[in-house]
Amino acid sequence: MATLIAIDHGNFSPADDAEAIRKACEGWGTDEKNLIKILGHRNASQRHQIRLHYGEIFKEDLIKRFESELSGDLEKAMYRWMLDPADRDAVLANVAFKKGSPEYHVIIEIACVLSPKELFAVRKAYQIRYKNSLEEDLASHTTGDIRKLLVGLVTAYRSTIDEVNARLADNEAEILHNAIKAEEYNHEEVIRILTTRSKAQLMATFNRYRDDHGISISKALSGVKDNDFVKALHTTIRCTNDHQKYYEKVLRNALRRNGTDEDGLTRVIVTKAEKDLKDIKEVYYKRNSVSLDHDVAKETSGDYKAFLLTLLGKED
């Protein structure tokens, strides 16, 4: 379930919101609190309408206005919040593999957590924004086995049918086990299975692996150190098998490391607030015996803190 508390459609006026936002951006100082009060309670469709009306009325792009009015972590969070979801994921993907130290896990999140329809929309948005295909840019920024895995993940159009082939799960669980046992992590069959099978089929395969060998495939890979490809495989499996548990760990690491990882924190909250962030919050509480709201409030500050708490469904 979502944590976003959006305004009722009957009380929503994109023109009024556009006017109020313009007012908040005028004068000697930006009224960040009013921006948060408005936009922290608008869903993706409403935010899209606000942006369109703002552009029509004031002849400027609202997102570009925010780039000049806001700064720091709040500016980055608000910028990503105002993008349409598919366009936002396209931006996240582009930023991830162009960093000095590529963040392959962000690409894997997008490819493995989104539905096939959503992933197709991201690829389309990427093409429009960057004039290249996502797979083309990925291929030019990666090499070897990482390239094979990531390109395979983003180009796959997985079936959404929940029907599972038990015999296939049995066979492919054994293929994965043999590859891991032989330390042939980059075996072409491993990549084929992880990039082509439906989520339901993969989960059945992972369950069969655990039942047959007394250990989860995730744990079997977690002991392998200093291997970027194995880390990518591990992330692929975790995102496919239980993405809410995966995101809980991303948030925990972001908040409890030596210095808050604002990028990771912002990415999860902004992208999941309209989807299943409430469920992720429950996993976080069970794992840490403290609420996510509490830790966010403790580790962040100012308007950035207020915005994140609003998206979490809790006013500061």
Protein backbone atom coordinates (compact mmCIF):
# COMPACT_ATOMS: atom_id res chain seq x y z
CA MET A 1 0.00 0.00 0.00
CA ALA A 2 0.98 3.60 -0.64
CA THR A 3 1.96 6.07 2.07
CA LEU A 4 1.09 9.15 0.02
CA ILE A 5 -1.96 10.96 1.36
CA ALA A 6 -3.23 12.64 -1.79
CA ILE A 7 -5.94 15.29 -1.99
CA ASP A 8 -9.36 14.08 -3.15
CA HIS A 9 -9.94 14.58 -6.85
CA GLY A 10 -13.05 16.66 -6.13
CA ASN A 11 -10.99 19.19 -4.17
CA PHE A 12 -8.17 19.33 -6.69
CA SER A 13 -7.61 22.29 -8.99
CA PRO A 14 -4.36 22.21 -11.00
CA ALA A 15 -4.78 25.88 -11.92
CA ASP A 16 -5.15 26.89 -8.26
CA ASP A 17 -2.13 24.77 -7.31
CA ALA A 18 -0.08 26.32 -10.11
CA GLU A 19 -0.96 29.80 -8.85
CA ALA A 20 -0.11 28.88 -5.26
CA ILE A 21 3.22 27.38 -6.31
CA ARG A 22 4.07 30.50 -8.31
CA LYS A 23 3.33 32.61 -5.27
CA ALA A 24 5.54 30.37 -3.11
CA CYS A 25 8.42 30.91 -5.55
CA GLU A 26 8.12 34.68 -5.77
CA GLY A 27 9.60 37.29 -3.48
CA TRP A 28 12.79 37.28 -1.47
CA GLY A 29 12.67 33.68 -0.40
CA THR A 30 11.04 30.48 -1.57
CA ASP A 31 8.23 29.22 0.64
CA GLU A 32 9.41 25.62 0.79
CA LYS A 33 6.89 24.66 3.43
CA ASN A 34 3.96 25.63 1.21
CA LEU A 35 5.46 23.76 -1.74
CA ILE A 36 5.72 20.66 0.43
CA LYS A 37 2.19 21.15 1.72
CA ILE A 38 0.85 21.21 -1.83
CA LEU A 39 3.02 18.76 -3.77
CA GLY A 40 3.50 16.31 -0.91
CA HIS A 41 -0.22 15.56 -1.23
CA ARG A 42 -0.60 15.21 -4.99
CA ASN A 43 -0.44 11.93 -6.88
CA ALA A 44 1.41 11.43 -10.18
CA SER A 45 -1.58 12.34 -12.33
CA GLN A 46 -2.24 15.49 -10.30
CA ARG A 47 1.42 16.54 -10.40
CA HIS A 48 1.43 16.07 -14.16
CA GLN A 49 -1.61 18.33 -14.51
CA ILE A 50 -0.06 20.96 -12.23
CA ARG A 51 3.09 21.00 -14.33
CA LEU A 52 1.06 21.39 -17.55
CA HIS A 53 -1.07 24.21 -16.13
CA TYR A 54 1.97 25.97 -14.69
CA GLY A 55 3.65 25.90 -18.09
CA GLU A 56 0.55 27.20 -19.86
CA ILE A 57 -0.06 30.02 -17.38
CA PHE A 58 3.50 31.18 -16.67
CA LYS A 59 5.32 30.06 -19.83
CA GLU A 60 8.08 28.22 -17.99
CA ASP A 61 8.80 24.66 -16.94
CA LEU A 62 7.96 24.15 -13.27
CA ILE A 63 10.79 21.66 -12.80
CA LYS A 64 13.32 24.15 -14.16
CA ARG A 65 11.87 26.77 -11.82
CA PHE A 66 12.46 24.42 -8.89
CA GLU A 67 16.07 23.96 -10.01
CA SER A 68 16.61 27.69 -9.54
CA GLU A 69 14.51 28.05 -6.38
CA LEU A 70 15.55 24.99 -4.38
CA SER A 71 18.89 23.46 -3.47
CA GLY A 72 20.56 20.42 -1.98
CA ASP A 73 18.70 17.27 -1.05
CA LEU A 74 15.29 18.94 -1.16
CA GLU A 75 15.84 20.11 -4.74
CA LYS A 76 16.86 16.62 -5.86
CA ALA A 77 13.92 14.99 -4.08
CA MET A 78 11.40 17.51 -5.41
CA TYR A 79 12.82 17.28 -8.93
CA ARG A 80 12.41 13.51 -8.98
CA TRP A 81 8.98 13.70 -7.39
CA MET A 82 7.72 16.04 -10.10
CA LEU A 83 8.82 13.83 -12.98
CA ASP A 84 6.34 11.33 -14.41
CA PRO A 85 7.21 7.89 -12.92
CA ALA A 86 8.57 6.36 -16.16
CA ASP A 87 10.60 9.48 -16.93
CA ARG A 88 11.94 9.52 -13.36
CA ASP A 89 13.15 5.92 -13.67
CA ALA A 90 14.75 6.78 -17.01
CA VAL A 91 16.69 9.58 -15.29
CA LEU A 92 17.66 7.32 -12.38
CA ALA A 93 18.96 4.71 -14.81
CA ASN A 94 20.99 7.23 -16.80
CA VAL A 95 22.53 8.74 -13.67
CA ALA A 96 23.31 5.28 -12.27
CA PHE A 97 25.54 4.00 -15.04
CA LYS A 98 27.19 7.33 -15.79
CA LYS A 99 28.56 7.73 -12.27
CA GLY A 100 32.28 7.27 -11.73
CA SER A 101 31.41 4.14 -9.77
CA PRO A 102 28.36 2.76 -11.62
CA GLU A 103 25.38 1.91 -9.42
CA TYR A 104 24.29 -1.29 -11.14
CA HIS A 105 21.81 -2.02 -8.38
CA VAL A 106 19.62 0.91 -9.47
CA ILE A 107 19.33 -0.54 -13.00
CA ILE A 108 18.50 -3.93 -11.51
CA GLU A 109 15.82 -2.43 -9.25
CA ILE A 110 14.12 -0.85 -12.26
CA ALA A 111 14.36 -4.00 -14.39
CA CYS A 112 13.32 -6.53 -11.75
CA VAL A 113 10.80 -4.70 -9.56
CA LEU A 114 8.72 -2.99 -12.24
CA SER A 115 6.12 -4.88 -14.22
CA PRO A 116 6.88 -5.60 -17.90
CA LYS A 117 4.46 -2.83 -18.89
CA GLU A 118 6.14 -0.34 -16.55
CA LEU A 119 9.61 -1.31 -17.77
CA PHE A 120 8.51 -0.81 -21.37
CA ALA A 121 7.28 2.68 -20.44
CA VAL A 122 10.69 3.46 -18.88
CA ARG A 123 12.49 2.35 -22.03
CA LYS A 124 10.19 4.54 -24.13
CA ALA A 125 10.74 7.53 -21.81
CA TYR A 126 14.49 6.96 -21.94
CA GLN A 127 14.48 7.00 -25.74
CA ILE A 128 12.52 10.26 -25.80
CA ARG A 129 14.72 11.99 -23.21
CA TYR A 130 18.19 10.82 -24.28
CA LYS A 131 17.66 10.02 -28.00
CA ASN A 132 19.26 6.61 -27.48
CA SER A 133 17.79 3.34 -26.28
CA LEU A 134 18.41 2.32 -22.68
CA GLU A 135 20.00 -0.95 -23.80
CA GLU A 136 22.25 0.90 -26.25
CA ASP A 137 23.56 3.25 -23.57
CA LEU A 138 23.92 0.41 -21.07
CA ALA A 139 25.96 -1.58 -23.58
CA SER A 140 28.27 1.37 -24.21
CA HIS A 141 28.89 1.97 -20.50
CA THR A 142 29.38 -1.64 -19.38
CA THR A 143 31.49 -4.62 -20.39
CA GLY A 144 31.61 -8.39 -20.14
CA ASP A 145 29.25 -10.34 -17.92
CA ILE A 146 27.78 -7.24 -16.28
CA ARG A 147 26.76 -6.01 -19.72
CA LYS A 148 25.16 -9.36 -20.61
CA LEU A 149 23.16 -9.41 -17.40
CA LEU A 150 21.98 -5.78 -17.37
CA VAL A 151 21.11 -5.59 -21.06
CA GLY A 152 19.29 -8.91 -20.74
CA LEU A 153 17.29 -7.64 -17.77
CA VAL A 154 16.17 -4.36 -19.37
CA THR A 155 15.30 -5.90 -22.74
CA ALA A 156 13.36 -8.89 -21.40
CA TYR A 157 9.59 -8.74 -21.61
CA ARG A 158 8.71 -11.21 -18.90
CA SER A 159 5.40 -13.03 -18.86
CA THR A 160 2.91 -11.80 -16.25
CA ILE A 161 1.15 -15.18 -16.08
CA ASP A 162 1.30 -16.69 -12.60
CA GLU A 163 1.19 -20.28 -13.87
CA VAL A 164 4.35 -22.16 -12.88
CA ASN A 165 6.03 -25.14 -14.53
CA ALA A 166 7.14 -27.23 -11.55
CA ARG A 167 9.38 -29.52 -13.60
CA LEU A 168 11.13 -26.53 -15.16
CA ALA A 169 11.64 -25.00 -11.71
CA ASP A 170 13.18 -28.26 -10.55
CA ASN A 171 15.55 -28.45 -13.51
CA GLU A 172 16.61 -24.83 -13.41
CA ALA A 173 17.14 -24.84 -9.65
CA GLU A 174 19.65 -27.64 -10.25
CA ILE A 175 21.33 -25.70 -13.08
CA LEU A 176 21.75 -22.71 -10.75
CA HIS A 177 23.03 -24.89 -7.92
CA ASN A 178 25.61 -26.61 -10.11
CA ALA A 179 26.84 -23.29 -11.48
CA ILE A 180 27.21 -21.79 -7.99
CA LYS A 181 28.89 -24.93 -6.65
CA ALA A 182 31.40 -24.82 -9.52
CA GLU A 183 31.81 -21.04 -9.03
CA GLU A 184 30.69 -20.54 -12.63
CA TYR A 185 28.57 -17.55 -11.67
CA ASN A 186 28.74 -16.08 -15.18
CA HIS A 187 27.54 -19.26 -16.88
CA GLU A 188 25.30 -18.41 -19.82
CA GLU A 189 22.53 -20.57 -18.40
CA VAL A 190 22.50 -18.53 -15.17
CA ILE A 191 22.08 -15.30 -17.14
CA ARG A 192 19.47 -16.89 -19.41
CA ILE A 193 17.33 -18.08 -16.50
CA LEU A 194 17.47 -14.79 -14.58
CA THR A 195 16.76 -12.58 -17.60
CA THR A 196 14.00 -14.54 -19.36
CA ARG A 197 11.80 -16.34 -16.85
CA SER A 198 8.67 -14.78 -15.36
CA LYS A 199 8.80 -13.62 -11.76
CA ALA A 200 6.43 -16.39 -10.71
CA GLN A 201 8.61 -19.01 -12.40
CA LEU A 202 11.79 -17.60 -10.86
CA MET A 203 10.29 -17.58 -7.38
CA ALA A 204 9.30 -21.24 -7.83
CA THR A 205 12.86 -22.00 -8.94
CA PHE A 206 14.34 -20.18 -5.94
CA ASN A 207 11.99 -22.03 -3.59
CA ARG A 208 12.96 -25.36 -5.13
CA TYR A 209 16.64 -24.45 -4.70
CA ARG A 210 16.10 -23.79 -0.99
CA ASP A 211 14.05 -26.96 -0.47
CA ASP A 212 16.53 -29.18 -2.29
CA HIS A 213 19.75 -27.76 -0.86
CA GLY A 214 18.79 -26.41 2.57
CA ILE A 215 19.97 -22.89 1.82
CA SER A 216 18.49 -20.02 -0.15
CA ILE A 217 20.18 -19.10 -3.40
CA SER A 218 20.57 -15.59 -2.02
CA LYS A 219 22.57 -16.86 0.97
CA ALA A 220 24.59 -19.15 -1.28
CA LEU A 221 25.78 -16.09 -3.18
CA SER A 222 26.13 -13.72 -0.23
CA GLY A 223 29.38 -15.32 0.92
CA VAL A 224 31.19 -14.43 -2.32
CA LYS A 225 33.27 -11.31 -1.69
CA ASP A 226 34.70 -8.63 -4.00
CA ASN A 227 32.95 -9.80 -7.15
CA ASP A 228 30.84 -7.14 -8.83
CA PHE A 229 29.09 -9.62 -11.09
CA VAL A 230 28.06 -11.85 -8.19
CA LYS A 231 26.81 -8.77 -6.33
CA ALA A 232 24.69 -7.96 -9.38
CA LEU A 233 23.34 -11.52 -9.47
CA HIS A 234 22.57 -11.33 -5.76
CA THR A 235 20.69 -8.05 -6.21
CA THR A 236 18.76 -9.49 -9.18
CA ILE A 237 17.62 -12.45 -7.11
CA ARG A 238 16.68 -10.36 -4.07
CA CYS A 239 14.73 -7.79 -6.12
CA THR A 240 12.85 -10.57 -7.91
CA ASN A 241 12.18 -12.74 -4.88
CA ASP A 242 11.19 -10.13 -2.24
CA HIS A 243 11.68 -6.53 -3.30
CA GLN A 244 10.12 -5.13 -0.12
CA LYS A 245 12.73 -6.88 1.99
CA TYR A 246 15.38 -5.65 -0.44
CA TYR A 247 14.21 -2.03 -0.15
CA GLU A 248 14.13 -2.29 3.65
CA LYS A 249 17.82 -3.07 3.58
CA VAL A 250 18.51 -0.18 1.19
CA LEU A 251 16.76 2.17 3.62
CA ARG A 252 18.49 0.66 6.65
CA ASN A 253 21.90 1.04 5.05
CA ALA A 254 21.06 4.57 3.93
CA LEU A 255 20.06 5.67 7.43
CA ARG A 256 22.52 3.75 9.57
CA ARG A 257 25.76 4.05 7.67
CA ASN A 258 28.45 6.51 8.79
CA GLY A 259 26.78 9.51 7.19
CA THR A 260 23.29 9.28 5.71
CA ASP A 261 23.04 8.13 2.08
CA GLU A 262 20.54 10.75 0.90
CA ASP A 263 20.53 9.45 -2.68
CA GLY A 264 19.41 5.97 -1.63
CA LEU A 265 16.94 7.32 0.91
CA THR A 266 15.38 9.73 -1.58
CA ARG A 267 15.23 7.14 -4.36
CA VAL A 268 13.27 4.60 -2.33
CA ILE A 269 10.85 7.02 -0.69
CA VAL A 270 10.11 9.02 -3.85
CA THR A 271 9.67 5.99 -6.11
CA LYS A 272 7.69 3.84 -3.65
CA ALA A 273 5.45 6.40 -1.89
CA GLU A 274 2.64 5.82 -4.39
CA LYS A 275 3.12 2.06 -4.52
CA ASP A 276 4.00 -0.12 -1.54
CA LEU A 277 6.03 2.06 0.82
CA LYS A 278 3.57 1.30 3.63
CA ASP A 279 4.42 -2.39 3.31
CA ILE A 280 8.14 -1.60 3.22
CA LYS A 281 7.68 0.47 6.40
CA GLU A 282 6.16 -2.56 8.12
CA VAL A 283 9.12 -4.72 7.08
CA TYR A 284 11.46 -2.00 8.36
CA TYR A 285 9.74 -1.92 11.76
CA LYS A 286 9.84 -5.71 12.11
CA ARG A 287 13.55 -5.77 11.24
CA ASN A 288 14.67 -2.79 13.32
CA SER A 289 12.08 -2.46 16.12
CA VAL A 290 11.78 1.23 15.30
CA SER A 291 9.66 3.00 12.71
CA LEU A 292 11.07 4.29 9.45
CA ASP A 293 9.48 7.66 10.25
CA HIS A 294 11.51 7.83 13.45
CA ASP A 295 14.81 7.07 11.75
CA VAL A 296 14.15 9.48 8.87
CA ALA A 297 13.31 12.25 11.34
CA LYS A 298 16.45 11.46 13.34
CA GLU A 299 18.88 11.34 10.40
CA THR A 300 17.58 14.20 8.22
CA SER A 301 16.74 17.83 8.83
CA GLY A 302 14.96 20.94 7.63
CA ASP A 303 12.65 21.03 4.63
CA TYR A 304 14.17 17.85 3.20
CA LYS A 305 13.12 16.03 6.36
CA ALA A 306 9.64 17.58 6.22
CA PHE A 307 9.19 16.52 2.59
CA LEU A 308 10.25 12.92 3.19
CA LEU A 309 8.01 12.62 6.24
CA THR A 310 5.09 14.01 4.22
CA LEU A 311 5.63 11.36 1.54
CA LEU A 312 5.82 8.77 4.32
CA GLY A 313 2.34 9.87 5.38
CA LYS A 314 3.50 11.64 8.53
CA GLU A 315 3.63 15.40 8.87
CA ASP A 316 6.66 16.83 10.66
